Amino acid sequence: MWWLQHGNDDVIGYWPASLFKDLADSASLIEWGGEIINNAQGGQHTTTQMGSGHFAEEQAGGASYFKNLQVVDQSNTLVPPGDITSTAQKPNCYNIILAKNDDAGDFFFYGGPGRNPNCP
């Protein structure tokens, strides 16, 4: 079974192992983030917000975030994920800022409003 956990106690969701047959031994890629669907109707970008609808630069006061990112290693221990990279396909519509500190571990701020003056 795979699960998403908040803190030490709160399990937010889980997925049965039967859905992950190809991951019986290990994973080669783990992704966190946000996603929207953009049909670009009328040639314009969607107004769908990602996260809170605030850009990553607004940080904890406005932007959405994931903090204390961890993965389970081969000895079934939670460890930091290692090298993290970020991708924002439409940075004028949605963006991301990676960071790391002692309190929050590996984390990132992300989000955006969708269509705006810089993202027509």
Protein backbone atom coordinates (compact mmCIF):
# COMPACT_ATOMS: atom_id res chain seq x y z
CA MET A 1 0.00 0.00 0.00
CA TRP A 2 1.16 3.57 -0.77
CA TRP A 3 -0.04 6.52 1.28
CA LEU A 4 0.16 10.28 1.64
CA GLN A 5 0.70 11.34 5.24
CA HIS A 6 0.55 14.72 6.99
CA GLY A 7 2.83 14.97 10.01
CA ASN A 8 3.29 11.82 12.05
CA ASP A 9 -0.37 10.87 12.39
CA ASP A 10 -2.73 12.09 9.69
CA VAL A 11 -2.99 9.81 6.65
CA ILE A 12 -4.56 11.90 3.89
CA GLY A 13 -4.98 9.20 1.27
CA TYR A 14 -3.74 5.79 0.20
CA TRP A 15 -3.47 3.74 -2.92
CA PRO A 16 -3.52 -0.07 -3.01
CA ALA A 17 -0.25 -1.70 -4.06
CA SER A 18 -2.12 -3.44 -6.92
CA LEU A 19 -2.15 -0.09 -8.77
CA PHE A 20 1.66 0.03 -8.74
CA LYS A 21 2.76 -3.34 -10.07
CA ASP A 22 5.72 -1.75 -11.88
CA LEU A 23 6.95 -0.29 -8.58
CA ALA A 24 7.32 -3.60 -6.75
CA ASP A 25 11.03 -2.97 -6.12
CA SER A 26 11.61 0.75 -6.56
CA ALA A 27 10.72 3.97 -8.34
CA SER A 28 12.99 5.95 -10.65
CA LEU A 29 10.99 9.20 -10.48
CA ILE A 30 8.84 10.91 -7.86
CA GLU A 31 6.85 14.06 -8.61
CA TRP A 32 5.08 16.62 -6.42
CA GLY A 33 3.20 19.64 -7.72
CA GLY A 34 0.14 20.99 -9.40
CA GLU A 35 -1.54 20.54 -12.74
CA ILE A 36 -4.37 22.22 -14.65
CA ILE A 37 -6.12 21.55 -17.95
CA ASN A 38 -5.89 24.33 -20.52
CA ASN A 39 -8.13 24.06 -23.58
CA ALA A 40 -7.14 27.61 -24.69
CA GLN A 41 -10.67 28.31 -25.83
CA GLY A 42 -10.83 31.44 -27.95
CA GLY A 43 -7.02 31.45 -28.08
CA GLN A 44 -6.77 32.50 -24.43
CA HIS A 45 -5.19 30.70 -21.50
CA THR A 46 -7.61 29.32 -18.89
CA THR A 47 -8.47 31.33 -15.77
CA THR A 48 -8.08 28.14 -13.71
CA GLN A 49 -5.92 28.81 -10.67
CA MET A 50 -3.20 26.47 -9.48
CA GLY A 51 -2.93 26.01 -5.73
CA SER A 52 -4.13 29.15 -3.97
CA GLY A 53 -3.95 31.17 -7.18
CA HIS A 54 -0.94 33.13 -5.92
CA PHE A 55 2.53 33.03 -7.51
CA ALA A 56 5.38 31.29 -5.69
CA GLU A 57 7.08 34.63 -4.86
CA GLU A 58 4.31 35.37 -2.36
CA GLN A 59 5.61 32.39 -0.35
CA ALA A 60 3.85 31.27 2.87
CA GLY A 61 1.65 34.37 3.02
CA GLY A 62 -0.04 33.58 -0.28
CA ALA A 63 1.38 30.76 -2.38
CA SER A 64 0.65 27.08 -1.91
CA TYR A 65 3.51 24.87 -0.77
CA PHE A 66 4.73 21.38 -0.04
CA LYS A 67 7.21 21.10 2.82
CA ASN A 68 9.40 18.45 4.42
CA LEU A 69 9.49 16.35 1.25
CA GLN A 70 10.58 12.80 2.00
CA VAL A 71 10.77 9.45 0.25
CA VAL A 72 11.04 5.90 1.59
CA ASP A 73 14.46 4.35 0.91
CA GLN A 74 15.35 0.66 0.42
CA SER A 75 15.52 0.11 4.19
CA ASN A 76 11.96 1.50 4.56
CA THR A 77 13.23 4.73 6.17
CA LEU A 78 11.99 8.25 5.38
CA VAL A 79 14.82 10.31 3.88
CA PRO A 80 15.13 13.63 1.99
CA PRO A 81 14.58 13.12 -1.75
CA GLY A 82 18.08 14.19 -2.86
CA ASP A 83 18.50 16.29 -5.98
CA ILE A 84 15.29 18.12 -6.79
CA THR A 85 14.58 19.98 -10.01
CA SER A 86 11.59 22.09 -10.95
CA THR A 87 9.65 22.72 -14.14
CA ALA A 88 7.07 25.38 -14.89
CA GLN A 89 5.79 25.08 -18.44
CA LYS A 90 4.01 28.47 -18.37
CA PRO A 91 5.95 30.54 -15.77
CA ASN A 92 3.92 33.67 -16.53
CA CYS A 93 0.77 31.74 -15.62
CA TYR A 94 2.08 29.44 -12.83
CA ASN A 95 5.50 29.13 -11.23
CA ILE A 96 7.58 27.38 -8.58
CA ILE A 97 10.43 28.19 -6.18
CA LEU A 98 12.50 25.39 -4.60
CA ALA A 99 14.02 25.87 -1.16
CA LYS A 100 15.52 24.02 1.81
CA ASN A 101 16.02 24.85 5.47
CA ASP A 102 16.42 23.11 8.84
CA ASP A 103 12.78 23.58 9.89
CA ALA A 104 10.93 22.64 6.69
CA GLY A 105 13.51 20.37 5.03
CA ASP A 106 13.17 20.29 1.25
CA PHE A 107 10.15 22.33 0.16
CA PHE A 108 8.69 24.41 -2.63
CA PHE A 109 6.21 27.21 -3.17
CA TYR A 110 4.05 27.02 -6.29
CA GLY A 111 0.91 28.34 -7.94
CA GLY A 112 -0.52 31.09 -10.04
CA PRO A 113 -3.73 32.66 -11.26
CA GLY A 114 -3.78 31.35 -14.80
CA ARG A 115 -4.79 34.02 -17.31
CA ASN A 116 -3.42 37.43 -16.33
CA PRO A 117 -1.85 40.41 -18.20
CA ASN A 118 1.43 38.46 -18.61
CA CYS A 119 -0.35 35.21 -19.50
CA PRO A 120 -2.92 36.06 -22.14
